[in-house]
């Protein structure tokens, strides 16, 4: 087996994106996480704007009913009913499906396009309804139109450009009627322009606030799952990942391998060089291991003071031992000077390796115990070496029962 593994980054979703001018947090992983949160938030709020827009359309038809033909009123309400139904169906489909990262941009486009169609129907349809109506009814229509725009505000304002396009789609035709129609209404046109400007500025401010909140949430999530000193996964993230990979190997009837290693005589190093240099040593060691371990799915974690773990899903003992030996050699070849009293003149590590096949009688804790026991043996074998735990067959419940029966 070729000894490869993974450089650990934040878990996140989607490809690298071109985003709006305010911009999400920097970095591909952060942009991906931002995109998923953005799309999920859109569809989480997607039912309310569709239903409220339909309610506004029915209200406008009621306000204009004295001068509106039954055919025009029915066509107006039917158009909004179809649009609202389509938007609701879109929301339901998104919530029922497990949308992959590669489809997030497409689903965001579905939502924004549906909202833009709603804006166009409001802008053009409302003008057709009130073109020959008295000025009082026109003003009432623009008030309802403003309400229809505002119901889209909480969701679309976070996208910035999409909300600006919605404002344009909904307000261009009413502005043209208010300024150039048979009965111009300059005051109404000014109110519509004021609504557009205020909504646009409020949308920009909401977007900045939203992104700041996302950055804070992502930083909290990073702090909860990653080690501050080395940037590796912490013990909590390691335990979560091990549990998931253990269940996956159980389904696939595969093996899970684990390397546990620590720095030989690290206390001597700290006592001689000081804790700042000890921290620098751990950072360099973590960076070196990440250069060796970069297979997608593998995990490098700091699980204790100077103790580290490498999780290798679907890997047998021979493959894991090869990775362990490469990690050991990489650290030794860094030639970091050790304390004068240390056994070895340079910083070295001892590695314990275990690989088990999950079954009904074998738990993930057994894998940790086996790797830890192998590390203990490596320490007693003189350090700077790799020791393997029991094989999968030796560690299985059936093998243990057979050894017990044989005495």
Protein backbone atom coordinates (compact mmCIF):
# COMPACT_ATOMS: atom_id res chain seq x y z
CA UNK A 1 0.00 0.00 0.00
CA UNK A 2 1.23 3.46 -0.85
CA UNK A 3 1.45 5.37 2.45
CA UNK A 4 -0.71 8.39 1.88
CA UNK A 5 -3.20 10.36 3.99
CA UNK A 6 -4.84 13.74 4.37
CA UNK A 7 -3.90 17.33 5.16
CA UNK A 8 -6.60 18.41 7.56
CA UNK A 9 -8.72 21.44 6.79
CA UNK A 10 -12.07 22.68 8.04
CA UNK A 11 -14.97 20.60 6.92
CA UNK A 12 -17.08 22.56 4.47
CA UNK A 13 -19.10 22.47 1.47
CA UNK A 14 -18.94 23.29 -2.24
CA UNK A 15 -16.43 24.40 -4.77
CA UNK A 16 -14.55 27.68 -4.85
CA UNK A 17 -17.04 30.45 -5.66
CA UNK A 18 -17.31 33.96 -6.98
CA UNK A 19 -19.42 35.80 -4.41
CA UNK A 20 -21.02 39.18 -3.93
CA UNK A 21 -18.97 42.25 -3.18
CA UNK A 22 -19.29 42.13 0.60
CA UNK A 23 -17.78 38.65 0.39
CA UNK A 24 -17.90 35.65 2.70
CA UNK A 25 -15.04 34.63 4.96
CA UNK A 26 -11.77 34.05 3.12
CA UNK A 27 -10.53 30.61 2.09
CA UNK A 28 -12.14 27.90 -0.04
CA UNK A 29 -13.40 25.94 2.94
CA UNK A 30 -14.87 29.07 4.54
CA UNK A 31 -16.54 30.10 1.28
CA UNK A 32 -17.97 26.62 0.98
CA UNK A 33 -19.32 26.66 4.52
CA UNK A 34 -20.75 30.12 3.93
CA UNK A 35 -22.51 28.95 0.77
CA UNK A 36 -24.18 25.99 2.44
CA UNK A 37 -25.36 28.10 5.35
CA UNK A 38 -26.63 30.77 2.96
CA UNK A 39 -28.62 28.32 0.83
CA UNK A 40 -30.01 26.47 3.84
CA UNK A 41 -31.14 29.77 5.35
CA UNK A 42 -32.82 30.77 2.09
CA UNK A 43 -34.92 27.64 1.91
CA UNK A 44 -35.58 27.58 5.65
CA UNK A 45 -37.30 30.96 5.22
CA UNK A 46 -38.65 30.21 1.76
CA UNK A 47 -42.27 29.43 2.61
CA UNK A 48 -43.08 32.70 4.37
CA UNK A 49 -42.17 35.08 1.47
CA UNK A 50 -44.16 32.97 -1.02
CA UNK A 51 -47.28 32.88 1.16
CA UNK A 52 -47.05 36.55 2.17
CA UNK A 53 -46.60 37.62 -1.45
CA UNK A 54 -49.73 35.66 -2.37
CA UNK A 55 -51.57 37.33 0.51
CA UNK A 56 -50.48 40.77 -0.72
CA UNK A 57 -51.68 39.90 -4.24
CA UNK A 58 -55.11 38.90 -2.90
CA UNK A 59 -55.23 42.10 -0.84
CA UNK A 60 -54.48 44.24 -3.89
CA UNK A 61 -57.19 42.47 -5.87
CA UNK A 62 -59.62 43.23 -3.04
CA UNK A 63 -58.63 46.91 -2.93
CA UNK A 64 -59.12 47.28 -6.68
CA UNK A 65 -62.24 45.11 -6.90
CA UNK A 66 -64.70 48.03 -7.40
CA UNK A 67 -63.00 48.97 -10.70
CA UNK A 68 -61.44 45.62 -11.60
CA UNK A 69 -63.10 43.07 -13.86
CA UNK A 70 -63.61 39.57 -12.53
CA UNK A 71 -61.41 38.18 -15.33
CA UNK A 72 -58.50 40.51 -14.53
CA UNK A 73 -58.79 39.82 -10.79
CA UNK A 74 -58.91 36.06 -11.35
CA UNK A 75 -55.90 36.17 -13.71
CA UNK A 76 -53.94 38.26 -11.21
CA UNK A 77 -54.65 35.96 -8.28
CA UNK A 78 -54.12 32.81 -10.37
CA UNK A 79 -50.70 34.03 -11.54
CA UNK A 80 -49.57 34.59 -7.97
CA UNK A 81 -51.10 31.33 -6.84
CA UNK A 82 -49.07 29.44 -9.45
CA UNK A 83 -45.88 31.27 -8.53
CA UNK A 84 -46.40 30.70 -4.81
CA UNK A 85 -47.17 27.02 -5.43
CA UNK A 86 -44.00 26.62 -7.48
CA UNK A 87 -41.90 28.29 -4.81
CA UNK A 88 -43.40 26.17 -2.05
CA UNK A 89 -42.78 23.02 -4.09
CA UNK A 90 -39.16 24.11 -4.57
CA UNK A 91 -38.73 24.57 -0.81
CA UNK A 92 -40.27 21.18 -0.05
CA UNK A 93 -38.03 19.42 -2.59
CA UNK A 94 -34.91 21.05 -1.15
CA UNK A 95 -35.81 20.06 2.41
CA UNK A 96 -36.53 16.45 1.41
CA UNK A 97 -33.42 15.96 -0.69
CA UNK A 98 -29.85 15.70 0.54
CA UNK A 99 -28.44 18.34 -1.75
CA UNK A 100 -24.75 17.75 -2.47
CA UNK A 101 -22.17 20.51 -2.25
CA UNK A 102 -21.77 20.65 -6.02
CA UNK A 103 -25.47 21.53 -6.45
CA UNK A 104 -25.69 24.36 -3.92
CA UNK A 105 -25.07 27.14 -6.45
CA UNK A 106 -27.78 25.70 -8.70
CA UNK A 107 -30.32 25.59 -5.87
CA UNK A 108 -29.49 29.13 -4.86
CA UNK A 109 -30.18 30.11 -8.45
CA UNK A 110 -33.54 28.31 -8.36
CA UNK A 111 -34.61 30.31 -5.34
CA UNK A 112 -33.43 33.69 -6.59
CA UNK A 113 -34.92 33.16 -10.06
CA UNK A 114 -38.28 32.28 -8.53
CA UNK A 115 -38.15 35.45 -6.43
CA UNK A 116 -37.23 37.53 -9.50
CA UNK A 117 -40.19 36.11 -11.42
CA UNK A 118 -42.39 37.13 -8.50
CA UNK A 119 -40.93 40.66 -8.65
CA UNK A 120 -41.52 40.93 -12.40
CA UNK A 121 -45.14 39.80 -12.06
CA UNK A 122 -45.66 42.36 -9.32
CA UNK A 123 -44.01 45.16 -11.25
CA UNK A 124 -45.64 44.59 -14.63
CA UNK A 125 -48.94 43.14 -13.41
CA UNK A 126 -49.66 45.90 -10.91
CA UNK A 127 -49.11 48.52 -13.63
CA UNK A 128 -51.57 46.76 -15.94
CA UNK A 129 -54.13 46.64 -13.14
CA UNK A 130 -53.98 50.32 -12.15
CA UNK A 131 -52.99 52.00 -15.43
CA UNK A 132 -56.44 53.59 -15.78
CA UNK A 133 -57.44 53.55 -12.13
CA UNK A 134 -57.89 56.74 -10.06
CA UNK A 135 -54.82 58.15 -8.39
CA UNK A 136 -55.96 57.04 -4.94
CA UNK A 137 -56.08 53.41 -6.05
CA UNK A 138 -52.70 53.74 -7.73
CA UNK A 139 -51.20 54.99 -4.48
CA UNK A 140 -52.81 52.08 -2.62
CA UNK A 141 -51.36 49.69 -5.21
CA UNK A 142 -47.84 51.08 -4.66
CA UNK A 143 -48.25 50.68 -0.90
CA UNK A 144 -49.15 47.01 -1.36
CA UNK A 145 -46.28 46.65 -3.84
CA UNK A 146 -43.91 47.99 -1.20
CA UNK A 147 -45.21 45.41 1.25
CA UNK A 148 -44.69 42.65 -1.34
CA UNK A 149 -41.05 43.74 -1.73
CA UNK A 150 -40.46 43.88 1.99
CA UNK A 151 -41.61 40.28 2.54
CA UNK A 152 -38.64 39.19 0.38
CA UNK A 153 -36.24 41.37 2.32
CA UNK A 154 -35.09 39.06 5.18
CA UNK A 155 -33.96 36.31 2.80
CA UNK A 156 -32.89 38.00 -0.43
CA UNK A 157 -31.19 41.01 1.15
CA UNK A 158 -28.44 38.63 2.31
CA UNK A 159 -27.60 37.91 -1.34
CA UNK A 160 -27.21 41.61 -2.15
CA UNK A 161 -27.25 41.40 -5.95
CA UNK A 162 -30.36 39.24 -6.08
CA UNK A 163 -32.25 41.71 -3.90
CA UNK A 164 -31.14 44.67 -6.03
CA UNK A 165 -32.36 42.83 -9.12
CA UNK A 166 -35.68 42.20 -7.38
CA UNK A 167 -36.05 45.91 -6.60
CA UNK A 168 -35.38 46.75 -10.23
CA UNK A 169 -37.80 44.12 -11.55
CA UNK A 170 -40.60 45.23 -9.23
CA UNK A 171 -40.19 49.03 -9.40
CA UNK A 172 -39.15 49.99 -12.95
CA UNK A 173 -42.64 49.66 -14.46
CA UNK A 174 -44.47 51.40 -11.56
CA UNK A 175 -41.93 54.26 -11.66
CA UNK A 176 -42.48 54.65 -15.40
CA UNK A 177 -46.26 54.79 -14.89
CA UNK A 178 -45.98 57.23 -11.97
CA UNK A 179 -43.75 59.60 -13.96
CA UNK A 180 -44.88 59.14 -17.58
CA UNK A 181 -48.44 57.80 -17.31
CA UNK A 182 -51.62 59.65 -18.31
CA UNK A 183 -51.95 60.94 -14.72
CA UNK A 184 -48.40 61.49 -13.40
CA UNK A 185 -47.81 61.07 -9.68
CA UNK A 186 -44.42 62.62 -8.88
CA UNK A 187 -44.95 62.17 -5.15
CA UNK A 188 -45.66 58.45 -5.59
CA UNK A 189 -42.61 58.10 -7.83
CA UNK A 190 -40.48 59.80 -5.17
CA UNK A 191 -41.85 57.46 -2.51
CA UNK A 192 -41.02 54.45 -4.67
CA UNK A 193 -37.48 55.71 -5.23
CA UNK A 194 -37.11 56.32 -1.50
CA UNK A 195 -38.31 52.76 -0.85
CA UNK A 196 -35.77 51.41 -3.33
CA UNK A 197 -32.86 53.37 -1.83
CA UNK A 198 -33.76 52.60 1.76
CA UNK A 199 -34.25 48.91 1.00
CA UNK A 200 -30.96 48.73 -0.87
CA UNK A 201 -29.00 50.37 1.95
CA UNK A 202 -30.71 48.25 4.59
CA UNK A 203 -29.97 45.15 2.50
CA UNK A 204 -26.27 46.00 2.36
CA UNK A 205 -26.17 46.51 6.12
CA UNK A 206 -28.05 43.25 6.74
CA UNK A 207 -25.62 41.38 4.49
CA UNK A 208 -22.60 42.70 6.40
CA UNK A 209 -24.21 41.77 9.70
CA UNK A 210 -25.04 38.31 8.37
CA UNK A 211 -21.49 37.66 7.18
CA UNK A 212 -20.03 38.89 10.46
CA UNK A 213 -22.30 36.46 12.29
CA UNK A 214 -21.25 33.60 10.01
CA UNK A 215 -17.59 34.37 10.54
CA UNK A 216 -18.10 34.29 14.28
CA UNK A 217 -20.00 31.00 14.13
CA UNK A 218 -17.37 29.40 11.92
CA UNK A 219 -14.61 30.57 14.23
CA UNK A 220 -16.41 29.11 17.24
CA UNK A 221 -16.86 25.84 15.35
CA UNK A 222 -13.16 25.81 14.46
CA UNK A 223 -12.14 26.47 18.04
CA UNK A 224 -14.37 23.63 19.21
CA UNK A 225 -12.87 21.07 16.81
CA UNK A 226 -9.27 22.13 16.14
CA UNK A 227 -6.20 22.43 18.30
CA UNK A 228 -5.07 26.02 18.81
CA UNK A 229 -1.35 25.26 18.90
CA UNK A 230 -0.90 22.93 15.93
CA UNK A 231 -4.00 23.49 13.79
CA UNK A 232 -4.71 19.76 13.86
CA UNK A 233 -7.99 18.19 14.89
CA UNK A 234 -8.47 18.05 18.65
CA UNK A 235 -9.58 15.07 20.74
CA UNK A 236 -13.25 15.91 20.37
CA UNK A 237 -13.06 15.98 16.57
CA UNK A 238 -10.95 12.82 16.59
CA UNK A 239 -13.53 10.94 18.67
CA UNK A 240 -16.37 12.10 16.40
CA UNK A 241 -14.51 11.05 13.25
CA UNK A 242 -13.43 7.72 14.69
CA UNK A 243 -17.05 6.89 15.57
CA UNK A 244 -18.21 7.70 12.05
CA UNK A 245 -15.41 5.80 10.33
CA UNK A 246 -15.96 2.81 12.63
CA UNK A 247 -19.60 2.61 11.55
CA UNK A 248 -18.65 3.01 7.88
CA UNK A 249 -16.09 0.19 8.12
CA UNK A 250 -18.73 -1.96 9.83
CA UNK A 251 -21.07 -1.46 6.85
CA UNK A 252 -18.30 -2.11 4.30
CA UNK A 253 -16.68 -4.97 6.24
CA UNK A 254 -13.38 -3.08 6.14
CA UNK A 255 -10.63 -2.35 8.63
CA UNK A 256 -9.81 0.84 10.51
CA UNK A 257 -6.19 1.57 11.39
CA UNK A 258 -4.88 3.93 14.03
CA UNK A 259 -1.44 5.33 14.77
CA UNK A 260 -0.74 6.82 18.18
CA UNK A 261 2.65 8.46 18.71
CA UNK A 262 4.30 10.93 21.03
CA UNK A 263 7.61 12.76 21.27
CA UNK A 264 10.31 10.77 23.01
CA UNK A 265 11.44 12.36 26.29
CA UNK A 266 9.49 15.52 25.62
CA UNK A 267 9.72 16.59 29.27
CA UNK A 268 13.51 16.72 28.97
CA UNK A 269 13.11 18.86 25.82
CA UNK A 270 10.77 21.27 27.62
CA UNK A 271 12.96 21.45 30.71
CA UNK A 272 16.07 22.21 28.66
CA UNK A 273 14.73 24.56 25.96
CA UNK A 274 11.65 25.99 27.71
CA UNK A 275 7.95 25.75 26.97
CA UNK A 276 7.93 28.23 24.03
CA UNK A 277 10.47 26.07 22.22
CA UNK A 278 8.45 22.99 23.19
CA UNK A 279 5.37 24.52 21.55
CA UNK A 280 7.44 25.34 18.45
CA UNK A 281 8.63 21.74 18.35
CA UNK A 282 5.06 20.44 18.40
CA UNK A 283 4.05 22.85 15.64
CA UNK A 284 6.93 21.73 13.42
CA UNK A 285 6.15 18.10 14.10
CA UNK A 286 2.47 18.62 13.22
CA UNK A 287 3.40 20.36 9.95
CA UNK A 288 5.79 17.55 9.03
CA UNK A 289 3.18 14.86 9.66
CA UNK A 290 0.61 16.70 7.58
CA UNK A 291 3.03 16.69 4.65
CA UNK A 292 3.22 12.90 4.86
CA UNK A 293 -0.43 12.19 5.66
CA UNK A 294 -2.62 13.64 2.94
CA UNK A 295 -5.00 10.94 1.70
CA UNK A 296 -8.62 12.16 1.58
CA UNK A 297 -10.46 10.71 4.55
CA UNK A 298 -7.45 10.28 6.86
CA UNK A 299 -7.23 12.40 9.98
CA UNK A 300 -4.28 13.79 11.95
CA UNK A 301 -5.14 14.90 15.49
CA UNK A 302 -3.48 16.10 18.64
CA UNK A 303 -5.10 14.08 21.41
CA UNK A 304 -2.90 15.05 24.36
CA UNK A 305 0.03 17.23 25.37
CA UNK A 306 2.69 15.68 23.09
CA UNK A 307 0.53 12.77 21.95
CA UNK A 308 -0.85 12.57 18.41
CA UNK A 309 -3.06 10.19 16.46
CA UNK A 310 -3.44 9.37 12.77
CA UNK A 311 -6.72 7.73 11.79
CA UNK A 312 -6.56 5.64 8.58
CA UNK A 313 -9.99 4.41 7.47
CA UNK A 314 -10.23 1.20 5.46
CA UNK A 315 -6.53 0.45 5.95
CA UNK A 316 -4.97 -2.86 6.95
CA UNK A 317 -2.05 -3.43 9.31
CA UNK A 318 0.66 -3.54 6.63
CA UNK A 319 -0.49 -0.26 5.10
CA UNK A 320 -0.77 1.43 8.49
CA UNK A 321 2.70 0.22 9.51
CA UNK A 322 4.16 1.66 6.31
CA UNK A 323 2.56 5.04 7.05
CA UNK A 324 3.82 4.88 10.65
CA UNK A 325 7.40 4.19 9.54
CA UNK A 326 7.27 7.07 7.07
CA UNK A 327 6.00 9.42 9.80
CA UNK A 328 8.76 8.28 12.17
CA UNK A 329 11.49 8.76 9.55
CA UNK A 330 10.12 12.18 8.59
CA UNK A 331 10.37 13.43 12.17
CA UNK A 332 13.85 11.96 12.65
CA UNK A 333 15.11 13.54 9.42
CA UNK A 334 14.00 16.99 10.61
CA UNK A 335 17.09 16.80 12.89
CA UNK A 336 15.68 19.00 15.64
CA UNK A 337 18.30 18.99 18.39
CA UNK A 338 17.15 17.29 21.58
CA UNK A 339 18.20 18.00 25.16
CA UNK A 340 21.78 16.89 25.97
CA UNK A 341 20.50 14.35 28.51
CA UNK A 342 18.17 12.66 26.00
CA UNK A 343 18.86 9.17 24.65
CA UNK A 344 18.76 10.35 21.03
CA UNK A 345 20.56 13.53 19.90
CA UNK A 346 17.59 14.62 17.77
CA UNK A 347 13.86 14.71 18.42
CA UNK A 348 12.24 11.35 17.67
CA UNK A 349 8.85 9.73 18.12
CA UNK A 350 7.61 6.31 19.15
CA UNK A 351 4.61 4.95 17.26
CA UNK A 352 2.02 2.35 18.15
CA UNK A 353 -0.06 0.88 15.32
CA UNK A 354 -3.31 -1.09 15.39
CA UNK A 355 -5.80 -2.15 12.73
CA UNK A 356 -9.13 -3.80 13.52
CA UNK A 357 -12.20 -4.90 11.59
CA UNK A 358 -15.35 -3.71 13.40
CA UNK A 359 -17.87 -6.37 14.40
CA UNK A 360 -20.54 -6.91 17.02
CA UNK A 361 -17.99 -7.68 19.74
CA UNK A 362 -15.34 -5.10 18.81
CA UNK A 363 -15.63 -1.41 19.73
CA UNK A 364 -13.72 1.66 18.60
CA UNK A 365 -12.27 1.88 22.12
CA UNK A 366 -10.59 -1.47 21.45
CA UNK A 367 -8.71 0.12 18.56
CA UNK A 368 -7.49 2.97 20.77
CA UNK A 369 -6.44 0.53 23.52
CA UNK A 370 -4.57 -1.65 21.02
CA UNK A 371 -2.67 1.29 19.50
CA UNK A 372 -1.92 2.70 22.95
CA UNK A 373 -0.58 -0.66 24.11
CA UNK A 374 1.63 -0.84 21.01
CA UNK A 375 2.95 2.65 21.79
CA UNK A 376 3.79 1.48 25.31
CA UNK A 377 5.75 -1.42 23.81
CA UNK A 378 7.62 0.98 21.51
CA UNK A 379 8.67 3.04 24.51
CA UNK A 380 10.01 -0.04 26.27
CA UNK A 381 11.77 -1.22 23.11
CA UNK A 382 14.10 1.78 23.16
CA UNK A 383 11.95 4.53 21.60
CA UNK A 384 12.23 5.90 18.04
CA UNK A 385 10.54 2.82 16.62
CA UNK A 386 7.21 1.48 15.38
CA UNK A 387 5.42 -1.33 17.18
CA UNK A 388 2.26 -3.06 15.95
CA UNK A 389 -0.66 -4.19 18.05
CA UNK A 390 -2.57 -7.45 17.52
CA UNK A 391 -3.73 -8.28 14.01
CA UNK A 392 -7.40 -8.18 13.15
CA UNK A 393 -7.66 -11.96 13.48
CA UNK A 394 -5.87 -11.99 16.84
CA UNK A 395 -8.08 -9.21 18.21
CA UNK A 396 -11.40 -10.63 17.01
CA UNK A 397 -13.79 -12.09 19.64
CA UNK A 398 -13.68 -15.50 17.92
CA UNK A 399 -9.88 -15.59 18.14
CA UNK A 400 -9.98 -14.56 21.79
CA UNK A 401 -12.50 -17.31 22.58
CA UNK A 402 -10.34 -19.88 20.75
CA UNK A 403 -7.21 -18.88 22.72
CA UNK A 404 -9.17 -19.10 25.94
CA UNK A 405 -10.51 -22.59 25.00
CA UNK A 406 -6.96 -23.79 24.22
CA UNK A 407 -5.86 -22.66 27.64
